[in-house]
């Protein structure tokens, strides 16, 4: 294992995609690597269809946003935060 590489050749990832509503997919991934982690762990999030027209922006740079942008800057230009996650300071 090299520093910063949090996986070994024993890594196993199981991804599950479940349609839970006509416009929402539940994404879940379980990560298992017995050489690095004491037990498997899981991440989950919804993938929601965008029903409103929107432009696809390039992720590298947006007008008015610097490399040190904050969450409030991102909200100002239309990014939506996943419900259930609160930025630091809003807990």
PDB file of N, CA and C in Angstrom:
ATOM      1  N   UNK A   1       0.844  -1.187   0.000  1.00  0.00           N
ATOM      2  CA  UNK A   1       0.000   0.000   0.000  1.00  0.00           C
ATOM      3  C   UNK A   1       0.875   1.230   0.000  1.00  0.00           C
ATOM      4  N   UNK A   2       0.595   2.152  -0.879  1.00  0.00           N
ATOM      5  CA  UNK A   2       1.290   3.428  -0.919  1.00  0.00           C
ATOM      6  C   UNK A   2       0.498   4.449  -0.140  1.00  0.00           C
ATOM      7  N   UNK A   3       1.208   5.394   0.427  1.00  0.00           N
ATOM      8  CA  UNK A   3       0.530   6.451   1.183  1.00  0.00           C
ATOM      9  C   UNK A   3      -0.476   7.167   0.279  1.00  0.00           C
ATOM     10  N   UNK A   4      -1.692   7.362   0.764  1.00  0.00           N
ATOM     11  CA  UNK A   4      -2.736   8.034  -0.002  1.00  0.00           C
ATOM     12  C   UNK A   4      -3.580   7.113  -0.868  1.00  0.00           C
ATOM     13  N   UNK A   5      -3.195   5.846  -0.987  1.00  0.00           N
ATOM     14  CA  UNK A   5      -3.981   4.882  -1.756  1.00  0.00           C
ATOM     15  C   UNK A   5      -4.687   3.969  -0.764  1.00  0.00           C
ATOM     16  N   UNK A   6      -5.964   4.204  -0.556  1.00  0.00           N
ATOM     17  CA  UNK A   6      -6.694   3.491   0.476  1.00  0.00           C
ATOM     18  C   UNK A   6      -7.421   2.276  -0.087  1.00  0.00           C
ATOM     19  N   UNK A   7      -6.650   1.427  -0.737  1.00  0.00           N
ATOM     20  CA  UNK A   7      -7.176   0.164  -1.238  1.00  0.00           C
ATOM     21  C   UNK A   7      -6.011  -0.794  -1.418  1.00  0.00           C
ATOM     22  N   UNK A   8      -6.324  -2.054  -1.373  1.00  0.00           N
ATOM     23  CA  UNK A   8      -5.313  -3.079  -1.636  1.00  0.00           C
ATOM     24  C   UNK A   8      -5.835  -3.968  -2.753  1.00  0.00           C
ATOM     25  N   UNK A   9      -5.113  -5.024  -3.067  1.00  0.00           N
ATOM     26  CA  UNK A   9      -5.588  -5.938  -4.104  1.00  0.00           C
ATOM     27  C   UNK A   9      -6.739  -6.805  -3.612  1.00  0.00           C
ATOM     28  N   UNK A  10      -7.115  -6.659  -2.340  1.00  0.00           N
ATOM     29  CA  UNK A  10      -8.257  -7.397  -1.785  1.00  0.00           C
ATOM     30  C   UNK A  10      -9.551  -6.573  -1.819  1.00  0.00           C
ATOM     31  N   UNK A  11      -9.501  -5.397  -2.437  1.00  0.00           N
ATOM     32  CA  UNK A  11     -10.673  -4.519  -2.491  1.00  0.00           C
ATOM     33  C   UNK A  11     -11.827  -5.175  -3.229  1.00  0.00           C
ATOM     34  N   UNK A  12     -13.023  -5.021  -2.663  1.00  0.00           N
ATOM     35  CA  UNK A  12     -14.259  -5.487  -3.299  1.00  0.00           C
ATOM     36  C   UNK A  12     -15.299  -4.400  -3.109  1.00  0.00           C
ATOM     37  N   UNK A  13     -15.900  -3.930  -4.189  1.00  0.00           N
ATOM     38  CA  UNK A  13     -16.944  -2.902  -4.131  1.00  0.00           C
ATOM     39  C   UNK A  13     -18.200  -3.476  -4.768  1.00  0.00           C
ATOM     40  N   UNK A  14     -19.305  -3.393  -4.040  1.00  0.00           N
ATOM     41  CA  UNK A  14     -20.600  -3.832  -4.567  1.00  0.00           C
ATOM     42  C   UNK A  14     -21.479  -2.599  -4.670  1.00  0.00           C
ATOM     43  N   UNK A  15     -21.927  -2.288  -5.886  1.00  0.00           N
ATOM     44  CA  UNK A  15     -22.800  -1.137  -6.110  1.00  0.00           C
ATOM     45  C   UNK A  15     -24.212  -1.631  -6.384  1.00  0.00           C
ATOM     46  N   UNK A  16     -25.171  -0.911  -5.820  1.00  0.00           N
ATOM     47  CA  UNK A  16     -26.580  -1.249  -6.038  1.00  0.00           C
ATOM     48  C   UNK A  16     -27.307   0.018  -6.485  1.00  0.00           C
ATOM     49  N   UNK A  17     -28.071  -0.110  -7.552  1.00  0.00           N
ATOM     50  CA  UNK A  17     -28.892   0.985  -8.058  1.00  0.00           C
ATOM     51  C   UNK A  17     -30.334   0.501  -8.032  1.00  0.00           C
ATOM     52  N   UNK A  18     -31.188   1.226  -7.279  1.00  0.00           N
ATOM     53  CA  UNK A  18     -32.578   0.813  -7.113  1.00  0.00           C
ATOM     54  C   UNK A  18     -33.493   1.972  -7.472  1.00  0.00           C
ATOM     55  N   UNK A  19     -34.382   1.761  -8.432  1.00  0.00           N
ATOM     56  CA  UNK A  19     -35.371   2.778  -8.773  1.00  0.00           C
ATOM     57  C   UNK A  19     -36.411   2.803  -7.658  1.00  0.00           C
ATOM     58  N   UNK A  20     -36.469   3.906  -6.898  1.00  0.00           N
ATOM     59  CA  UNK A  20     -37.411   3.975  -5.778  1.00  0.00           C
ATOM     60  C   UNK A  20     -38.604   4.862  -6.075  1.00  0.00           C
ATOM     61  N   UNK A  21     -38.486   5.731  -7.064  1.00  0.00           N
ATOM     62  CA  UNK A  21     -39.575   6.578  -7.557  1.00  0.00           C
ATOM     63  C   UNK A  21     -39.304   6.785  -9.038  1.00  0.00           C
ATOM     64  N   UNK A  22     -40.281   7.262  -9.789  1.00  0.00           N
ATOM     65  CA  UNK A  22     -40.047   7.438 -11.231  1.00  0.00           C
ATOM     66  C   UNK A  22     -38.846   8.328 -11.558  1.00  0.00           C
ATOM     67  N   UNK A  23     -38.509   9.270 -10.671  1.00  0.00           N
ATOM     68  CA  UNK A  23     -37.413  10.196 -10.945  1.00  0.00           C
ATOM     69  C   UNK A  23     -36.279  10.108  -9.930  1.00  0.00           C
ATOM     70  N   UNK A  24     -36.211   9.026  -9.168  1.00  0.00           N
ATOM     71  CA  UNK A  24     -35.172   8.892  -8.148  1.00  0.00           C
ATOM     72  C   UNK A  24     -34.606   7.478  -8.126  1.00  0.00           C
ATOM     73  N   UNK A  25     -33.291   7.417  -8.195  1.00  0.00           N
ATOM     74  CA  UNK A  25     -32.577   6.153  -8.054  1.00  0.00           C
ATOM     75  C   UNK A  25     -31.809   6.202  -6.748  1.00  0.00           C
ATOM     76  N   UNK A  26     -31.916   5.143  -5.954  1.00  0.00           N
ATOM     77  CA  UNK A  26     -31.142   5.034  -4.720  1.00  0.00           C
ATOM     78  C   UNK A  26     -29.830   4.351  -5.085  1.00  0.00           C
ATOM     79  N   UNK A  27     -28.703   5.051  -4.868  1.00  0.00           N
ATOM     80  CA  UNK A  27     -27.382   4.498  -5.148  1.00  0.00           C
ATOM     81  C   UNK A  27     -26.743   4.090  -3.831  1.00  0.00           C
ATOM     82  N   UNK A  28     -26.196   2.902  -3.784  1.00  0.00           N
ATOM     83  CA  UNK A  28     -25.545   2.399  -2.582  1.00  0.00           C
ATOM     84  C   UNK A  28     -24.298   1.629  -2.998  1.00  0.00           C
ATOM     85  N   UNK A  29     -23.187   1.878  -2.305  1.00  0.00           N
ATOM     86  CA  UNK A  29     -21.951   1.151  -2.573  1.00  0.00           C
ATOM     87  C   UNK A  29     -21.392   0.644  -1.252  1.00  0.00           C
ATOM     88  N   UNK A  30     -21.053  -0.622  -1.210  1.00  0.00           N
ATOM     89  CA  UNK A  30     -20.435  -1.227  -0.032  1.00  0.00           C
ATOM     90  C   UNK A  30     -18.985  -1.539  -0.376  1.00  0.00           C
ATOM     91  N   UNK A  31     -18.083  -1.016   0.452  1.00  0.00           N
ATOM     92  CA  UNK A  31     -16.652  -1.165   0.237  1.00  0.00           C
ATOM     93  C   UNK A  31     -16.110  -2.155   1.263  1.00  0.00           C
ATOM     94  N   UNK A  32     -15.385  -3.146   0.776  1.00  0.00           N
ATOM     95  CA  UNK A  32     -14.818  -4.160   1.654  1.00  0.00           C
ATOM     96  C   UNK A  32     -13.361  -4.380   1.243  1.00  0.00           C
ATOM     97  N   UNK A  33     -12.467  -4.195   2.180  1.00  0.00           N
ATOM     98  CA  UNK A  33     -11.047  -4.446   1.947  1.00  0.00           C
ATOM     99  C   UNK A  33     -10.438  -4.899   3.268  1.00  0.00           C
ATOM    100  N   UNK A  34     -10.440  -6.194   3.558  1.00  0.00           N
ATOM    101  CA  UNK A  34     -10.010  -6.685   4.866  1.00  0.00           C
ATOM    102  C   UNK A  34      -8.556  -6.378   5.209  1.00  0.00           C
ATOM    103  N   UNK A  35      -7.750  -6.038   4.226  1.00  0.00           N
ATOM    104  CA  UNK A  35      -6.356  -5.682   4.516  1.00  0.00           C
ATOM    105  C   UNK A  35      -6.223  -4.266   5.051  1.00  0.00           C
ATOM    106  N   UNK A  36      -7.250  -3.437   4.823  1.00  0.00           N
ATOM    107  CA  UNK A  36      -7.165  -2.034   5.254  1.00  0.00           C
ATOM    108  C   UNK A  36      -8.226  -1.628   6.264  1.00  0.00           C
ATOM    109  N   UNK A  37      -9.408  -2.201   6.178  1.00  0.00           N
ATOM    110  CA  UNK A  37     -10.527  -1.780   7.020  1.00  0.00           C
ATOM    111  C   UNK A  37     -10.942  -2.920   7.943  1.00  0.00           C
ATOM    112  N   UNK A  38     -11.389  -2.557   9.132  1.00  0.00           N
ATOM    113  CA  UNK A  38     -11.787  -3.579  10.104  1.00  0.00           C
ATOM    114  C   UNK A  38     -13.121  -4.215   9.748  1.00  0.00           C
ATOM    115  N   UNK A  39     -13.946  -3.519   8.977  1.00  0.00           N
ATOM    116  CA  UNK A  39     -15.230  -4.079   8.560  1.00  0.00           C
ATOM    117  C   UNK A  39     -15.682  -3.342   7.294  1.00  0.00           C
ATOM    118  N   UNK A  40     -16.587  -3.913   6.526  1.00  0.00           N
ATOM    119  CA  UNK A  40     -17.111  -3.230   5.333  1.00  0.00           C
ATOM    120  C   UNK A  40     -17.846  -1.952   5.722  1.00  0.00           C
ATOM    121  N   UNK A  41     -17.885  -1.001   4.812  1.00  0.00           N
ATOM    122  CA  UNK A  41     -18.642   0.227   5.057  1.00  0.00           C
ATOM    123  C   UNK A  41     -19.411   0.585   3.789  1.00  0.00           C
ATOM    124  N   UNK A  42     -20.493   1.339   4.001  1.00  0.00           N
ATOM    125  CA  UNK A  42     -21.438   1.615   2.921  1.00  0.00           C
ATOM    126  C   UNK A  42     -21.702   3.112   2.800  1.00  0.00           C
ATOM    127  N   UNK A  43     -21.812   3.574   1.567  1.00  0.00           N
ATOM    128  CA  UNK A  43     -22.267   4.933   1.297  1.00  0.00           C
ATOM    129  C   UNK A  43     -23.563   4.821   0.507  1.00  0.00           C
ATOM    130  N   UNK A  44     -24.437   5.815   0.665  1.00  0.00           N
ATOM    131  CA  UNK A  44     -25.709   5.809  -0.064  1.00  0.00           C
ATOM    132  C   UNK A  44     -26.128   7.238  -0.345  1.00  0.00           C
ATOM    133  N   UNK A  45     -26.753   7.443  -1.489  1.00  0.00           N
ATOM    134  CA  UNK A  45     -27.273   8.766  -1.837  1.00  0.00           C
ATOM    135  C   UNK A  45     -28.311   8.621  -2.934  1.00  0.00           C
ATOM    136  N   UNK A  46     -29.213   9.596  -3.032  1.00  0.00           N
ATOM    137  CA  UNK A  46     -30.198   9.532  -4.111  1.00  0.00           C
ATOM    138  C   UNK A  46     -29.630  10.170  -5.377  1.00  0.00           C
ATOM    139  N   UNK A  47     -29.995   9.618  -6.510  1.00  0.00           N
ATOM    140  CA  UNK A  47     -29.690  10.230  -7.800  1.00  0.00           C
ATOM    141  C   UNK A  47     -31.028  10.679  -8.360  1.00  0.00           C
ATOM    142  N   UNK A  48     -31.228  11.985  -8.393  1.00  0.00           N
ATOM    143  CA  UNK A  48     -32.527  12.533  -8.803  1.00  0.00           C
ATOM    144  C   UNK A  48     -32.465  13.107 -10.209  1.00  0.00           C
ATOM    145  N   UNK A  49     -33.487  12.818 -10.985  1.00  0.00           N
ATOM    146  CA  UNK A  49     -33.587  13.383 -12.328  1.00  0.00           C
ATOM    147  C   UNK A  49     -33.891  14.869 -12.212  1.00  0.00           C
ATOM    148  N   UNK A  50     -33.168  15.667 -12.959  1.00  0.00           N
ATOM    149  CA  UNK A  50     -33.413  17.100 -12.974  1.00  0.00           C
ATOM    150  C   UNK A  50     -34.560  17.366 -13.945  1.00  0.00           C
ATOM    151  N   UNK A  51     -35.696  17.775 -13.414  1.00  0.00           N
ATOM    152  CA  UNK A  51     -36.882  17.993 -14.251  1.00  0.00           C
ATOM    153  C   UNK A  51     -36.956  19.411 -14.801  1.00  0.00           C
ATOM    154  N   UNK A  52     -36.079  20.286 -14.321  1.00  0.00           N
ATOM    155  CA  UNK A  52     -36.054  21.657 -14.814  1.00  0.00           C
ATOM    156  C   UNK A  52     -34.944  21.787 -15.846  1.00  0.00           C
ATOM    157  N   UNK A  53     -35.156  22.679 -16.787  1.00  0.00           N
ATOM    158  CA  UNK A  53     -34.105  22.921 -17.761  1.00  0.00           C
ATOM    159  C   UNK A  53     -32.914  23.544 -17.051  1.00  0.00           C
ATOM    160  N   UNK A  54     -31.749  23.063 -17.361  1.00  0.00           N
ATOM    161  CA  UNK A  54     -30.545  23.689 -16.825  1.00  0.00           C
ATOM    162  C   UNK A  54     -29.400  23.454 -17.782  1.00  0.00           C
ATOM    163  N   UNK A  55     -28.444  24.343 -17.723  1.00  0.00           N
ATOM    164  CA  UNK A  55     -27.257  24.185 -18.547  1.00  0.00           C
ATOM    165  C   UNK A  55     -26.291  23.258 -17.836  1.00  0.00           C
ATOM    166  N   UNK A  56     -25.532  22.524 -18.601  1.00  0.00           N
ATOM    167  CA  UNK A  56     -24.479  21.712 -18.014  1.00  0.00           C
ATOM    168  C   UNK A  56     -23.234  22.579 -17.963  1.00  0.00           C
ATOM    169  N   UNK A  57     -22.735  22.784 -16.755  1.00  0.00           N
ATOM    170  CA  UNK A  57     -21.552  23.621 -16.566  1.00  0.00           C
ATOM    171  C   UNK A  57     -20.311  22.785 -16.480  1.00  0.00           C
ATOM    172  N   UNK A  58     -19.227  23.324 -16.965  1.00  0.00           N
ATOM    173  CA  UNK A  58     -17.947  22.685 -16.779  1.00  0.00           C
ATOM    174  C   UNK A  58     -17.574  22.844 -15.307  1.00  0.00           C
ATOM    175  N   UNK A  59     -17.070  21.788 -14.693  1.00  0.00           N
ATOM    176  CA  UNK A  59     -16.811  21.792 -13.254  1.00  0.00           C
ATOM    177  C   UNK A  59     -15.562  22.538 -12.850  1.00  0.00           C
ATOM    178  N   UNK A  60     -14.640  22.778 -13.764  1.00  0.00           N
ATOM    179  CA  UNK A  60     -13.349  23.345 -13.386  1.00  0.00           C
ATOM    180  C   UNK A  60     -13.450  24.783 -12.906  1.00  0.00           C
ATOM    181  N   UNK A  61     -14.263  25.606 -13.545  1.00  0.00           N
ATOM    182  CA  UNK A  61     -14.291  27.029 -13.198  1.00  0.00           C
ATOM    183  C   UNK A  61     -15.636  27.631 -13.580  1.00  0.00           C
ATOM    184  N   UNK A  62     -16.171  28.439 -12.701  1.00  0.00           N
ATOM    185  CA  UNK A  62     -17.405  29.159 -12.979  1.00  0.00           C
ATOM    186  C   UNK A  62     -17.142  30.638 -12.765  1.00  0.00           C
ATOM    187  N   UNK A  63     -17.801  31.447 -13.526  1.00  0.00           N
ATOM    188  CA  UNK A  63     -17.622  32.882 -13.389  1.00  0.00           C
ATOM    189  C   UNK A  63     -17.959  33.319 -11.965  1.00  0.00           C
ATOM    190  N   UNK A  64     -17.076  34.064 -11.344  1.00  0.00           N
ATOM    191  CA  UNK A  64     -17.333  34.591 -10.008  1.00  0.00           C
ATOM    192  C   UNK A  64     -16.991  33.637  -8.885  1.00  0.00           C
ATOM    193  N   UNK A  65     -16.486  32.452  -9.197  1.00  0.00           N
ATOM    194  CA  UNK A  65     -16.129  31.500  -8.141  1.00  0.00           C
ATOM    195  C   UNK A  65     -14.630  31.253  -8.218  1.00  0.00           C
ATOM    196  N   UNK A  66     -13.968  31.444  -7.100  1.00  0.00           N
ATOM    197  CA  UNK A  66     -12.528  31.200  -7.066  1.00  0.00           C
ATOM    198  C   UNK A  66     -12.257  29.798  -6.556  1.00  0.00           C
ATOM    199  N   UNK A  67     -10.997  29.409  -6.543  1.00  0.00           N
ATOM    200  CA  UNK A  67     -10.607  28.099  -6.051  1.00  0.00           C
ATOM    201  C   UNK A  67     -10.863  27.939  -4.563  1.00  0.00           C
ATOM    202  N   UNK A  68     -11.087  29.039  -3.867  1.00  0.00           N
ATOM    203  CA  UNK A  68     -11.342  28.985  -2.425  1.00  0.00           C
ATOM    204  C   UNK A  68     -12.808  29.273  -2.135  1.00  0.00           C
ATOM    205  N   UNK A  69     -13.688  28.846  -3.025  1.00  0.00           N
ATOM    206  CA  UNK A  69     -15.108  29.138  -2.859  1.00  0.00           C
ATOM    207  C   UNK A  69     -15.683  28.425  -1.641  1.00  0.00           C
ATOM    208  N   UNK A  70     -16.730  29.010  -1.096  1.00  0.00           N
ATOM    209  CA  UNK A  70     -17.398  28.418   0.054  1.00  0.00           C
ATOM    210  C   UNK A  70     -18.717  27.824  -0.392  1.00  0.00           C
ATOM    211  N   UNK A  71     -19.349  27.101   0.496  1.00  0.00           N
ATOM    212  CA  UNK A  71     -20.653  26.503   0.184  1.00  0.00           C
ATOM    213  C   UNK A  71     -21.660  27.584  -0.178  1.00  0.00           C
ATOM    214  N   UNK A  72     -21.644  28.707   0.521  1.00  0.00           N
ATOM    215  CA  UNK A  72     -22.622  29.756   0.208  1.00  0.00           C
ATOM    216  C   UNK A  72     -22.390  30.310  -1.202  1.00  0.00           C
ATOM    217  N   UNK A  73     -21.119  30.408  -1.654  1.00  0.00           N
ATOM    218  CA  UNK A  73     -20.858  30.843  -3.028  1.00  0.00           C
ATOM    219  C   UNK A  73     -21.468  29.873  -4.028  1.00  0.00           C
ATOM    220  N   UNK A  74     -21.335  28.586  -3.746  1.00  0.00           N
ATOM    221  CA  UNK A  74     -21.880  27.578  -4.655  1.00  0.00           C
ATOM    222  C   UNK A  74     -23.401  27.633  -4.681  1.00  0.00           C
ATOM    223  N   UNK A  75     -24.018  27.877  -3.525  1.00  0.00           N
ATOM    224  CA  UNK A  75     -25.477  28.004  -3.487  1.00  0.00           C
ATOM    225  C   UNK A  75     -25.933  29.212  -4.295  1.00  0.00           C
ATOM    226  N   UNK A  76     -25.158  30.296  -4.241  1.00  0.00           N
ATOM    227  CA  UNK A  76     -25.517  31.522  -4.951  1.00  0.00           C
ATOM    228  C   UNK A  76     -25.620  31.312  -6.458  1.00  0.00           C
ATOM    229  N   UNK A  77     -24.838  30.378  -7.005  1.00  0.00           N
ATOM    230  CA  UNK A  77     -24.877  30.144  -8.445  1.00  0.00           C
ATOM    231  C   UNK A  77     -25.750  28.952  -8.830  1.00  0.00           C
ATOM    232  N   UNK A  78     -26.474  28.390  -7.845  1.00  0.00           N
ATOM    233  CA  UNK A  78     -27.459  27.378  -8.185  1.00  0.00           C
ATOM    234  C   UNK A  78     -27.173  25.959  -7.760  1.00  0.00           C
ATOM    235  N   UNK A  79     -26.017  25.690  -7.149  1.00  0.00           N
ATOM    236  CA  UNK A  79     -25.771  24.336  -6.661  1.00  0.00           C
ATOM    237  C   UNK A  79     -26.736  24.016  -5.533  1.00  0.00           C
ATOM    238  N   UNK A  80     -27.214  22.792  -5.492  1.00  0.00           N
ATOM    239  CA  UNK A  80     -28.109  22.362  -4.426  1.00  0.00           C
ATOM    240  C   UNK A  80     -27.391  21.340  -3.554  1.00  0.00           C
ATOM    241  N   UNK A  81     -27.502  21.529  -2.256  1.00  0.00           N
ATOM    242  CA  UNK A  81     -26.866  20.626  -1.311  1.00  0.00           C
ATOM    243  C   UNK A  81     -27.805  19.461  -1.039  1.00  0.00           C
ATOM    244  N   UNK A  82     -27.248  18.252  -0.973  1.00  0.00           N
ATOM    245  CA  UNK A  82     -28.039  17.067  -0.685  1.00  0.00           C
ATOM    246  C   UNK A  82     -28.708  17.231   0.675  1.00  0.00           C
ATOM    247  N   UNK A  83     -30.033  17.090   0.772  1.00  0.00           N
ATOM    248  CA  UNK A  83     -30.710  17.260   2.053  1.00  0.00           C
ATOM    249  C   UNK A  83     -30.218  16.214   3.066  1.00  0.00           C
ATOM    250  N   UNK A  84     -30.022  16.652   4.275  1.00  0.00           N
ATOM    251  CA  UNK A  84     -29.522  15.745   5.289  1.00  0.00           C
ATOM    252  C   UNK A  84     -28.051  15.972   5.563  1.00  0.00           C
ATOM    253  N   UNK A  85     -27.382  16.710   4.691  1.00  0.00           N
ATOM    254  CA  UNK A  85     -25.989  17.078   4.920  1.00  0.00           C
ATOM    255  C   UNK A  85     -25.968  18.566   5.165  1.00  0.00           C
ATOM    256  N   UNK A  86     -25.390  18.934   6.296  1.00  0.00           N
ATOM    257  CA  UNK A  86     -25.292  20.350   6.620  1.00  0.00           C
ATOM    258  C   UNK A  86     -23.847  20.788   6.573  1.00  0.00           C
ATOM    259  N   UNK A  87     -23.567  21.933   5.959  1.00  0.00           N
ATOM    260  CA  UNK A  87     -22.192  22.425   5.933  1.00  0.00           C
ATOM    261  C   UNK A  87     -21.706  22.760   7.327  1.00  0.00           C
ATOM    262  N   UNK A  88     -20.385  22.770   7.541  1.00  0.00           N
ATOM    263  CA  UNK A  88     -19.862  23.146   8.848  1.00  0.00           C
ATOM    264  C   UNK A  88     -20.399  24.500   9.279  1.00  0.00           C
ATOM    265  N   UNK A  89     -20.729  24.631  10.533  1.00  0.00           N
ATOM    266  CA  UNK A  89     -21.278  25.887  11.046  1.00  0.00           C
ATOM    267  C   UNK A  89     -22.788  25.973  10.995  1.00  0.00           C
ATOM    268  N   UNK A  90     -23.448  25.066  10.304  1.00  0.00           N
ATOM    269  CA  UNK A  90     -24.910  25.082  10.199  1.00  0.00           C
ATOM    270  C   UNK A  90     -25.507  23.912  10.970  1.00  0.00           C
ATOM    271  N   UNK A  91     -24.791  23.313  11.865  1.00  0.00           N
ATOM    272  CA  UNK A  91     -25.289  22.131  12.590  1.00  0.00           C
ATOM    273  C   UNK A  91     -26.101  22.503  13.771  1.00  0.00           C
TER     274      UNK A  91
END
